[in-house]
């Protein structure tokens, strides 16, 4: 019975949780699981409505089309896209979009 019971490790103030290793993509585009000494991790890609990301229009005349975000209008909650198919630049509300 004593072997079945696990003692909980008591953490002291200031101790951090053990770091979990996640796969990452190196500068050559290959997936790595182990980082070598002195090797820097690339910053993670930004997600959401950020200039340069891709978004999909859900409603309106450009519904179901994807485009690259070229500008943001934070005051009116709108996104300016450059469409992948025809290169047009429609302005869409954030409520009618999702990230691809």
PDB file of N, CA and C in Angstrom:
ATOM      1  N   UNK A   1       0.819  -1.184   0.000  1.00  0.00           N
ATOM      2  CA  UNK A   1       0.000   0.000   0.000  1.00  0.00           C
ATOM      3  C   UNK A   1       0.871   1.259   0.000  1.00  0.00           C
ATOM      4  N   UNK A   2       1.979   1.215   0.674  1.00  0.00           N
ATOM      5  CA  UNK A   2       2.870   2.366   0.755  1.00  0.00           C
ATOM      6  C   UNK A   2       3.487   2.662  -0.615  1.00  0.00           C
ATOM      7  N   UNK A   3       3.689   1.628  -1.421  1.00  0.00           N
ATOM      8  CA  UNK A   3       4.277   1.834  -2.748  1.00  0.00           C
ATOM      9  C   UNK A   3       3.293   2.539  -3.680  1.00  0.00           C
ATOM     10  N   UNK A   4       1.987   2.358  -3.443  1.00  0.00           N
ATOM     11  CA  UNK A   4       0.983   2.969  -4.287  1.00  0.00           C
ATOM     12  C   UNK A   4       0.821   4.455  -3.994  1.00  0.00           C
ATOM     13  N   UNK A   5       1.070   4.855  -2.773  1.00  0.00           N
ATOM     14  CA  UNK A   5       0.918   6.257  -2.396  1.00  0.00           C
ATOM     15  C   UNK A   5       2.145   7.036  -2.857  1.00  0.00           C
ATOM     16  N   UNK A   6       1.899   8.122  -3.558  1.00  0.00           N
ATOM     17  CA  UNK A   6       2.993   8.970  -4.011  1.00  0.00           C
ATOM     18  C   UNK A   6       3.084  10.177  -3.099  1.00  0.00           C
ATOM     19  N   UNK A   7       4.291  10.526  -2.750  1.00  0.00           N
ATOM     20  CA  UNK A   7       4.461  11.741  -1.966  1.00  0.00           C
ATOM     21  C   UNK A   7       4.490  12.914  -2.912  1.00  0.00           C
ATOM     22  N   UNK A   8       3.762  13.945  -2.581  1.00  0.00           N
ATOM     23  CA  UNK A   8       3.778  15.158  -3.386  1.00  0.00           C
ATOM     24  C   UNK A   8       5.045  15.928  -3.071  1.00  0.00           C
ATOM     25  N   UNK A   9       5.659  16.435  -4.105  1.00  0.00           N
ATOM     26  CA  UNK A   9       6.861  17.236  -3.931  1.00  0.00           C
ATOM     27  C   UNK A   9       6.445  18.637  -3.490  1.00  0.00           C
ATOM     28  N   UNK A  10       6.987  19.107  -2.422  1.00  0.00           N
ATOM     29  CA  UNK A  10       6.659  20.429  -1.913  1.00  0.00           C
ATOM     30  C   UNK A  10       7.584  21.434  -2.588  1.00  0.00           C
ATOM     31  N   UNK A  11       6.982  22.408  -3.243  1.00  0.00           N
ATOM     32  CA  UNK A  11       7.763  23.441  -3.923  1.00  0.00           C
ATOM     33  C   UNK A  11       8.057  24.573  -2.969  1.00  0.00           C
ATOM     34  N   UNK A  12       9.274  25.042  -3.040  1.00  0.00           N
ATOM     35  CA  UNK A  12       9.668  26.169  -2.217  1.00  0.00           C
ATOM     36  C   UNK A  12       9.326  27.457  -2.951  1.00  0.00           C
ATOM     37  N   UNK A  13       9.123  28.546  -2.234  1.00  0.00           N
ATOM     38  CA  UNK A  13       8.844  29.821  -2.901  1.00  0.00           C
ATOM     39  C   UNK A  13       9.982  30.198  -3.843  1.00  0.00           C
ATOM     40  N   UNK A  14       9.606  30.608  -5.056  1.00  0.00           N
ATOM     41  CA  UNK A  14      10.603  30.992  -6.042  1.00  0.00           C
ATOM     42  C   UNK A  14      10.993  29.886  -6.996  1.00  0.00           C
ATOM     43  N   UNK A  15      10.605  28.648  -6.702  1.00  0.00           N
ATOM     44  CA  UNK A  15      10.910  27.550  -7.613  1.00  0.00           C
ATOM     45  C   UNK A  15      10.006  27.616  -8.824  1.00  0.00           C
ATOM     46  N   UNK A  16      10.562  27.320  -9.982  1.00  0.00           N
ATOM     47  CA  UNK A  16       9.776  27.326 -11.207  1.00  0.00           C
ATOM     48  C   UNK A  16       9.360  25.906 -11.553  1.00  0.00           C
ATOM     49  N   UNK A  17       8.309  25.820 -12.373  1.00  0.00           N
ATOM     50  CA  UNK A  17       7.898  24.509 -12.853  1.00  0.00           C
ATOM     51  C   UNK A  17       8.917  24.014 -13.870  1.00  0.00           C
ATOM     52  N   UNK A  18       9.072  22.714 -14.009  1.00  0.00           N
ATOM     53  CA  UNK A  18      10.019  22.213 -15.002  1.00  0.00           C
ATOM     54  C   UNK A  18       9.599  22.625 -16.408  1.00  0.00           C
ATOM     55  N   UNK A  19      10.593  22.968 -17.216  1.00  0.00           N
ATOM     56  CA  UNK A  19      10.307  23.424 -18.572  1.00  0.00           C
ATOM     57  C   UNK A  19       9.980  22.231 -19.462  1.00  0.00           C
ATOM     58  N   UNK A  20       8.966  22.400 -20.292  1.00  0.00           N
ATOM     59  CA  UNK A  20       8.541  21.352 -21.213  1.00  0.00           C
ATOM     60  C   UNK A  20       9.083  21.700 -22.588  1.00  0.00           C
ATOM     61  N   UNK A  21       9.695  20.738 -23.220  1.00  0.00           N
ATOM     62  CA  UNK A  21      10.275  20.960 -24.541  1.00  0.00           C
ATOM     63  C   UNK A  21       9.203  20.799 -25.612  1.00  0.00           C
ATOM     64  N   UNK A  22       9.087  21.785 -26.498  1.00  0.00           N
ATOM     65  CA  UNK A  22       8.147  21.725 -27.608  1.00  0.00           C
ATOM     66  C   UNK A  22       8.933  21.758 -28.914  1.00  0.00           C
ATOM     67  N   UNK A  23       8.424  21.115 -29.950  1.00  0.00           N
ATOM     68  CA  UNK A  23       9.112  21.219 -31.231  1.00  0.00           C
ATOM     69  C   UNK A  23       9.072  22.656 -31.752  1.00  0.00           C
ATOM     70  N   UNK A  24      10.108  23.047 -32.473  1.00  0.00           N
ATOM     71  CA  UNK A  24      10.166  24.378 -33.052  1.00  0.00           C
ATOM     72  C   UNK A  24      10.726  24.282 -34.463  1.00  0.00           C
ATOM     73  N   UNK A  25      10.567  25.334 -35.223  1.00  0.00           N
ATOM     74  CA  UNK A  25      11.051  25.373 -36.601  1.00  0.00           C
ATOM     75  C   UNK A  25      12.308  26.233 -36.622  1.00  0.00           C
ATOM     76  N   UNK A  26      13.419  25.674 -37.123  1.00  0.00           N
ATOM     77  CA  UNK A  26      14.664  26.434 -37.161  1.00  0.00           C
ATOM     78  C   UNK A  26      14.690  27.381 -38.357  1.00  0.00           C
ATOM     79  N   UNK A  27      15.801  28.105 -38.520  1.00  0.00           N
ATOM     80  CA  UNK A  27      15.874  29.113 -39.573  1.00  0.00           C
ATOM     81  C   UNK A  27      15.836  28.516 -40.980  1.00  0.00           C
ATOM     82  N   UNK A  28      16.151  27.219 -41.120  1.00  0.00           N
ATOM     83  CA  UNK A  28      16.095  26.554 -42.424  1.00  0.00           C
ATOM     84  C   UNK A  28      14.720  25.961 -42.717  1.00  0.00           C
ATOM     85  N   UNK A  29      13.785  26.055 -41.767  1.00  0.00           N
ATOM     86  CA  UNK A  29      12.436  25.551 -41.974  1.00  0.00           C
ATOM     87  C   UNK A  29      12.238  24.118 -41.520  1.00  0.00           C
ATOM     88  N   UNK A  30      13.246  23.512 -40.890  1.00  0.00           N
ATOM     89  CA  UNK A  30      13.128  22.136 -40.420  1.00  0.00           C
ATOM     90  C   UNK A  30      12.594  22.107 -38.994  1.00  0.00           C
ATOM     91  N   UNK A  31      11.819  21.071 -38.659  1.00  0.00           N
ATOM     92  CA  UNK A  31      11.266  20.926 -37.315  1.00  0.00           C
ATOM     93  C   UNK A  31      12.315  20.269 -36.433  1.00  0.00           C
ATOM     94  N   UNK A  32      12.600  20.903 -35.296  1.00  0.00           N
ATOM     95  CA  UNK A  32      13.577  20.389 -34.338  1.00  0.00           C
ATOM     96  C   UNK A  32      12.887  20.154 -33.000  1.00  0.00           C
ATOM     97  N   UNK A  33      13.382  19.186 -32.241  1.00  0.00           N
ATOM     98  CA  UNK A  33      12.832  18.901 -30.923  1.00  0.00           C
ATOM     99  C   UNK A  33      13.835  19.231 -29.821  1.00  0.00           C
ATOM    100  N   UNK A  34      15.113  19.315 -30.193  1.00  0.00           N
ATOM    101  CA  UNK A  34      16.166  19.592 -29.225  1.00  0.00           C
ATOM    102  C   UNK A  34      16.950  20.800 -29.704  1.00  0.00           C
ATOM    103  N   UNK A  35      17.215  21.728 -28.797  1.00  0.00           N
ATOM    104  CA  UNK A  35      17.977  22.927 -29.126  1.00  0.00           C
ATOM    105  C   UNK A  35      19.415  22.697 -28.695  1.00  0.00           C
ATOM    106  N   UNK A  36      20.385  23.019 -29.576  1.00  0.00           N
ATOM    107  CA  UNK A  36      21.796  22.880 -29.249  1.00  0.00           C
ATOM    108  C   UNK A  36      22.233  24.066 -28.400  1.00  0.00           C
ATOM    109  N   UNK A  37      23.345  23.906 -27.700  1.00  0.00           N
ATOM    110  CA  UNK A  37      23.873  24.993 -26.883  1.00  0.00           C
ATOM    111  C   UNK A  37      24.221  26.184 -27.765  1.00  0.00           C
ATOM    112  N   UNK A  38      23.847  27.354 -27.338  1.00  0.00           N
ATOM    113  CA  UNK A  38      24.157  28.572 -28.084  1.00  0.00           C
ATOM    114  C   UNK A  38      23.209  28.851 -29.233  1.00  0.00           C
ATOM    115  N   UNK A  39      22.289  27.937 -29.512  1.00  0.00           N
ATOM    116  CA  UNK A  39      21.341  28.129 -30.611  1.00  0.00           C
ATOM    117  C   UNK A  39      20.149  28.936 -30.105  1.00  0.00           C
ATOM    118  N   UNK A  40      19.802  29.976 -30.831  1.00  0.00           N
ATOM    119  CA  UNK A  40      18.696  30.841 -30.440  1.00  0.00           C
ATOM    120  C   UNK A  40      17.386  30.326 -31.041  1.00  0.00           C
ATOM    121  N   UNK A  41      16.311  30.415 -30.270  1.00  0.00           N
ATOM    122  CA  UNK A  41      14.990  30.035 -30.773  1.00  0.00           C
ATOM    123  C   UNK A  41      14.410  31.204 -31.555  1.00  0.00           C
ATOM    124  N   UNK A  42      13.831  30.933 -32.729  1.00  0.00           N
ATOM    125  CA  UNK A  42      13.176  32.016 -33.466  1.00  0.00           C
ATOM    126  C   UNK A  42      11.901  32.428 -32.746  1.00  0.00           C
ATOM    127  N   UNK A  43      11.495  33.685 -32.861  1.00  0.00           N
ATOM    128  CA  UNK A  43      10.258  34.099 -32.194  1.00  0.00           C
ATOM    129  C   UNK A  43       9.057  33.395 -32.822  1.00  0.00           C
ATOM    130  N   UNK A  44       8.042  33.063 -32.013  1.00  0.00           N
ATOM    131  CA  UNK A  44       6.872  32.382 -32.572  1.00  0.00           C
ATOM    132  C   UNK A  44       6.109  33.326 -33.498  1.00  0.00           C
ATOM    133  N   UNK A  45       5.463  32.789 -34.527  1.00  0.00           N
ATOM    134  CA  UNK A  45       4.716  33.647 -35.442  1.00  0.00           C
ATOM    135  C   UNK A  45       3.523  34.288 -34.731  1.00  0.00           C
ATOM    136  N   UNK A  46       3.228  35.518 -35.103  1.00  0.00           N
ATOM    137  CA  UNK A  46       2.105  36.229 -34.505  1.00  0.00           C
ATOM    138  C   UNK A  46       0.798  35.684 -35.062  1.00  0.00           C
ATOM    139  N   UNK A  47      -0.202  35.578 -34.195  1.00  0.00           N
ATOM    140  CA  UNK A  47      -1.491  35.073 -34.622  1.00  0.00           C
ATOM    141  C   UNK A  47      -2.537  36.158 -34.462  1.00  0.00           C
ATOM    142  N   UNK A  48      -3.646  35.987 -35.139  1.00  0.00           N
ATOM    143  CA  UNK A  48      -4.733  36.947 -35.042  1.00  0.00           C
ATOM    144  C   UNK A  48      -4.677  37.948 -36.182  1.00  0.00           C
ATOM    145  N   UNK A  49      -5.296  39.098 -35.980  1.00  0.00           N
ATOM    146  CA  UNK A  49      -5.353  40.131 -37.009  1.00  0.00           C
ATOM    147  C   UNK A  49      -4.117  41.011 -36.895  1.00  0.00           C
ATOM    148  N   UNK A  50      -3.051  40.585 -37.574  1.00  0.00           N
ATOM    149  CA  UNK A  50      -1.781  41.291 -37.596  1.00  0.00           C
ATOM    150  C   UNK A  50      -1.401  41.503 -39.056  1.00  0.00           C
ATOM    151  N   UNK A  51      -0.822  42.660 -39.372  1.00  0.00           N
ATOM    152  CA  UNK A  51      -0.409  42.942 -40.747  1.00  0.00           C
ATOM    153  C   UNK A  51       0.547  41.843 -41.207  1.00  0.00           C
ATOM    154  N   UNK A  52       0.260  41.257 -42.365  1.00  0.00           N
ATOM    155  CA  UNK A  52       1.077  40.182 -42.920  1.00  0.00           C
ATOM    156  C   UNK A  52       0.448  38.811 -42.782  1.00  0.00           C
ATOM    157  N   UNK A  53      -0.477  38.631 -41.850  1.00  0.00           N
ATOM    158  CA  UNK A  53      -1.163  37.346 -41.699  1.00  0.00           C
ATOM    159  C   UNK A  53      -2.247  37.202 -42.758  1.00  0.00           C
ATOM    160  N   UNK A  54      -2.763  35.997 -42.881  1.00  0.00           N
ATOM    161  CA  UNK A  54      -3.812  35.707 -43.855  1.00  0.00           C
ATOM    162  C   UNK A  54      -5.147  35.594 -43.115  1.00  0.00           C
ATOM    163  N   UNK A  55      -6.214  36.127 -43.718  1.00  0.00           N
ATOM    164  CA  UNK A  55      -7.547  36.059 -43.118  1.00  0.00           C
ATOM    165  C   UNK A  55      -8.561  35.640 -44.166  1.00  0.00           C
ATOM    166  N   UNK A  56      -9.664  35.067 -43.708  1.00  0.00           N
ATOM    167  CA  UNK A  56     -10.731  34.591 -44.586  1.00  0.00           C
ATOM    168  C   UNK A  56     -11.987  35.400 -44.300  1.00  0.00           C
ATOM    169  N   UNK A  57     -12.652  35.865 -45.346  1.00  0.00           N
ATOM    170  CA  UNK A  57     -13.890  36.631 -45.204  1.00  0.00           C
ATOM    171  C   UNK A  57     -15.040  35.642 -45.061  1.00  0.00           C
ATOM    172  N   UNK A  58     -15.882  35.832 -44.046  1.00  0.00           N
ATOM    173  CA  UNK A  58     -16.987  34.911 -43.783  1.00  0.00           C
ATOM    174  C   UNK A  58     -18.308  35.364 -44.369  1.00  0.00           C
ATOM    175  N   UNK A  59     -18.510  36.674 -44.528  1.00  0.00           N
ATOM    176  CA  UNK A  59     -19.797  37.173 -45.008  1.00  0.00           C
ATOM    177  C   UNK A  59     -19.566  38.380 -45.903  1.00  0.00           C
ATOM    178  N   UNK A  60     -20.576  38.671 -46.721  1.00  0.00           N
ATOM    179  CA  UNK A  60     -20.493  39.835 -47.608  1.00  0.00           C
ATOM    180  C   UNK A  60     -20.167  39.421 -49.029  1.00  0.00           C
ATOM    181  N   UNK A  61     -19.870  40.400 -49.899  1.00  0.00           N
ATOM    182  CA  UNK A  61     -19.624  40.085 -51.306  1.00  0.00           C
ATOM    183  C   UNK A  61     -18.343  39.278 -51.537  1.00  0.00           C
ATOM    184  N   UNK A  62     -17.404  39.311 -50.610  1.00  0.00           N
ATOM    185  CA  UNK A  62     -16.148  38.561 -50.757  1.00  0.00           C
ATOM    186  C   UNK A  62     -16.129  37.319 -49.875  1.00  0.00           C
ATOM    187  N   UNK A  63     -17.288  36.779 -49.534  1.00  0.00           N
ATOM    188  CA  UNK A  63     -17.372  35.626 -48.638  1.00  0.00           C
ATOM    189  C   UNK A  63     -16.595  34.443 -49.195  1.00  0.00           C
ATOM    190  N   UNK A  64     -15.974  33.693 -48.283  1.00  0.00           N
ATOM    191  CA  UNK A  64     -15.209  32.480 -48.583  1.00  0.00           C
ATOM    192  C   UNK A  64     -13.913  32.758 -49.346  1.00  0.00           C
ATOM    193  N   UNK A  65     -13.465  34.007 -49.442  1.00  0.00           N
ATOM    194  CA  UNK A  65     -12.196  34.327 -50.093  1.00  0.00           C
ATOM    195  C   UNK A  65     -11.151  34.654 -49.037  1.00  0.00           C
ATOM    196  N   UNK A  66      -9.908  34.324 -49.337  1.00  0.00           N
ATOM    197  CA  UNK A  66      -8.804  34.603 -48.432  1.00  0.00           C
ATOM    198  C   UNK A  66      -7.964  35.743 -48.983  1.00  0.00           C
ATOM    199  N   UNK A  67      -7.323  36.457 -48.081  1.00  0.00           N
ATOM    200  CA  UNK A  67      -6.448  37.542 -48.488  1.00  0.00           C
ATOM    201  C   UNK A  67      -5.445  37.852 -47.408  1.00  0.00           C
ATOM    202  N   UNK A  68      -4.418  38.610 -47.781  1.00  0.00           N
ATOM    203  CA  UNK A  68      -3.369  39.001 -46.854  1.00  0.00           C
ATOM    204  C   UNK A  68      -3.742  40.332 -46.213  1.00  0.00           C
ATOM    205  N   UNK A  69      -3.563  40.453 -44.914  1.00  0.00           N
ATOM    206  CA  UNK A  69      -3.880  41.695 -44.203  1.00  0.00           C
ATOM    207  C   UNK A  69      -2.784  42.718 -44.495  1.00  0.00           C
ATOM    208  N   UNK A  70      -3.186  43.861 -45.067  1.00  0.00           N
ATOM    209  CA  UNK A  70      -2.226  44.918 -45.388  1.00  0.00           C
ATOM    210  C   UNK A  70      -2.401  46.134 -44.489  1.00  0.00           C
ATOM    211  N   UNK A  71      -3.503  46.213 -43.751  1.00  0.00           N
ATOM    212  CA  UNK A  71      -3.714  47.340 -42.862  1.00  0.00           C
ATOM    213  C   UNK A  71      -4.813  47.070 -41.866  1.00  0.00           C
ATOM    214  N   UNK A  72      -4.790  47.823 -40.774  1.00  0.00           N
ATOM    215  CA  UNK A  72      -5.801  47.687 -39.724  1.00  0.00           C
ATOM    216  C   UNK A  72      -6.349  49.060 -39.378  1.00  0.00           C
ATOM    217  N   UNK A  73      -7.648  49.132 -39.142  1.00  0.00           N
ATOM    218  CA  UNK A  73      -8.300  50.344 -38.670  1.00  0.00           C
ATOM    219  C   UNK A  73      -8.880  50.014 -37.299  1.00  0.00           C
ATOM    220  N   UNK A  74      -8.081  50.237 -36.259  1.00  0.00           N
ATOM    221  CA  UNK A  74      -8.477  49.856 -34.895  1.00  0.00           C
ATOM    222  C   UNK A  74      -9.683  50.656 -34.401  1.00  0.00           C
ATOM    223  N   UNK A  75      -9.810  51.912 -34.828  1.00  0.00           N
ATOM    224  CA  UNK A  75     -10.913  52.747 -34.350  1.00  0.00           C
ATOM    225  C   UNK A  75     -12.269  52.208 -34.788  1.00  0.00           C
ATOM    226  N   UNK A  76     -12.359  51.719 -36.028  1.00  0.00           N
ATOM    227  CA  UNK A  76     -13.628  51.228 -36.571  1.00  0.00           C
ATOM    228  C   UNK A  76     -13.696  49.703 -36.623  1.00  0.00           C
ATOM    229  N   UNK A  77     -12.687  49.010 -36.076  1.00  0.00           N
ATOM    230  CA  UNK A  77     -12.623  47.542 -36.071  1.00  0.00           C
ATOM    231  C   UNK A  77     -12.753  46.983 -37.481  1.00  0.00           C
ATOM    232  N   UNK A  78     -11.925  47.497 -38.382  1.00  0.00           N
ATOM    233  CA  UNK A  78     -11.924  47.027 -39.768  1.00  0.00           C
ATOM    234  C   UNK A  78     -10.532  46.582 -40.173  1.00  0.00           C
ATOM    235  N   UNK A  79     -10.501  45.697 -41.175  1.00  0.00           N
ATOM    236  CA  UNK A  79      -9.251  45.157 -41.693  1.00  0.00           C
ATOM    237  C   UNK A  79      -9.186  45.436 -43.180  1.00  0.00           C
ATOM    238  N   UNK A  80      -8.021  45.842 -43.674  1.00  0.00           N
ATOM    239  CA  UNK A  80      -7.822  46.066 -45.110  1.00  0.00           C
ATOM    240  C   UNK A  80      -7.060  44.861 -45.654  1.00  0.00           C
ATOM    241  N   UNK A  81      -7.644  44.210 -46.657  1.00  0.00           N
ATOM    242  CA  UNK A  81      -7.065  42.991 -47.230  1.00  0.00           C
ATOM    243  C   UNK A  81      -6.569  43.222 -48.648  1.00  0.00           C
ATOM    244  N   UNK A  82      -5.643  42.370 -49.075  1.00  0.00           N
ATOM    245  CA  UNK A  82      -5.288  42.258 -50.487  1.00  0.00           C
ATOM    246  C   UNK A  82      -5.667  40.830 -50.860  1.00  0.00           C
ATOM    247  N   UNK A  83      -6.698  40.703 -51.706  1.00  0.00           N
ATOM    248  CA  UNK A  83      -7.241  39.384 -52.018  1.00  0.00           C
ATOM    249  C   UNK A  83      -6.243  38.548 -52.800  1.00  0.00           C
ATOM    250  N   UNK A  84      -6.220  37.247 -52.516  1.00  0.00           N
ATOM    251  CA  UNK A  84      -5.284  36.337 -53.161  1.00  0.00           C
ATOM    252  C   UNK A  84      -5.654  36.098 -54.628  1.00  0.00           C
ATOM    253  N   UNK A  85      -6.948  36.129 -54.957  1.00  0.00           N
ATOM    254  CA  UNK A  85      -7.387  35.793 -56.310  1.00  0.00           C
ATOM    255  C   UNK A  85      -7.218  36.959 -57.273  1.00  0.00           C
ATOM    256  N   UNK A  86      -7.766  38.123 -56.919  1.00  0.00           N
ATOM    257  CA  UNK A  86      -7.790  39.220 -57.882  1.00  0.00           C
ATOM    258  C   UNK A  86      -6.959  40.431 -57.464  1.00  0.00           C
ATOM    259  N   UNK A  87      -6.344  40.409 -56.290  1.00  0.00           N
ATOM    260  CA  UNK A  87      -5.499  41.505 -55.854  1.00  0.00           C
ATOM    261  C   UNK A  87      -6.245  42.749 -55.419  1.00  0.00           C
ATOM    262  N   UNK A  88      -7.585  42.702 -55.341  1.00  0.00           N
ATOM    263  CA  UNK A  88      -8.359  43.850 -54.879  1.00  0.00           C
ATOM    264  C   UNK A  88      -8.094  44.084 -53.398  1.00  0.00           C
ATOM    265  N   UNK A  89      -8.432  45.281 -52.936  1.00  0.00           N
ATOM    266  CA  UNK A  89      -8.202  45.633 -51.545  1.00  0.00           C
ATOM    267  C   UNK A  89      -9.460  46.008 -50.819  1.00  0.00           C
ATOM    268  N   UNK A  90     -10.369  45.074 -50.518  1.00  0.00           N
ATOM    269  CA  UNK A  90     -11.597  45.440 -49.803  1.00  0.00           C
ATOM    270  C   UNK A  90     -11.327  45.729 -48.330  1.00  0.00           C
ATOM    271  N   UNK A  91     -12.218  46.486 -47.723  1.00  0.00           N
ATOM    272  CA  UNK A  91     -12.178  46.773 -46.294  1.00  0.00           C
ATOM    273  C   UNK A  91     -13.312  45.980 -45.658  1.00  0.00           C
ATOM    274  N   UNK A  92     -12.993  45.154 -44.669  1.00  0.00           N
ATOM    275  CA  UNK A  92     -13.993  44.281 -44.054  1.00  0.00           C
ATOM    276  C   UNK A  92     -14.001  44.472 -42.541  1.00  0.00           C
ATOM    277  N   UNK A  93     -15.151  44.249 -41.929  1.00  0.00           N
ATOM    278  CA  UNK A  93     -15.267  44.302 -40.478  1.00  0.00           C
ATOM    279  C   UNK A  93     -14.643  43.044 -39.879  1.00  0.00           C
ATOM    280  N   UNK A  94     -14.030  43.171 -38.696  1.00  0.00           N
ATOM    281  CA  UNK A  94     -13.406  42.024 -38.050  1.00  0.00           C
ATOM    282  C   UNK A  94     -14.421  40.957 -37.678  1.00  0.00           C
ATOM    283  N   UNK A  95     -15.676  41.355 -37.459  1.00  0.00           N
ATOM    284  CA  UNK A  95     -16.688  40.387 -37.082  1.00  0.00           C
ATOM    285  C   UNK A  95     -17.004  39.418 -38.219  1.00  0.00           C
ATOM    286  N   UNK A  96     -16.742  39.831 -39.450  1.00  0.00           N
ATOM    287  CA  UNK A  96     -17.062  38.994 -40.605  1.00  0.00           C
ATOM    288  C   UNK A  96     -15.835  38.239 -41.111  1.00  0.00           C
ATOM    289  N   UNK A  97     -14.794  38.065 -40.268  1.00  0.00           N
ATOM    290  CA  UNK A  97     -13.561  37.433 -40.711  1.00  0.00           C
ATOM    291  C   UNK A  97     -13.070  36.441 -39.696  1.00  0.00           C
ATOM    292  N   UNK A  98     -12.163  35.565 -40.162  1.00  0.00           N
ATOM    293  CA  UNK A  98     -11.443  34.657 -39.269  1.00  0.00           C
ATOM    294  C   UNK A  98     -10.041  34.463 -39.828  1.00  0.00           C
ATOM    295  N   UNK A  99      -9.106  34.130 -38.962  1.00  0.00           N
ATOM    296  CA  UNK A  99      -7.738  33.857 -39.413  1.00  0.00           C
ATOM    297  C   UNK A  99      -7.659  32.523 -40.110  1.00  0.00           C
ATOM    298  N   UNK A 100      -6.804  32.425 -41.112  1.00  0.00           N
ATOM    299  CA  UNK A 100      -6.618  31.147 -41.838  1.00  0.00           C
ATOM    300  C   UNK A 100      -5.481  30.356 -41.254  1.00  0.00           C
TER     301      UNK A 100
END
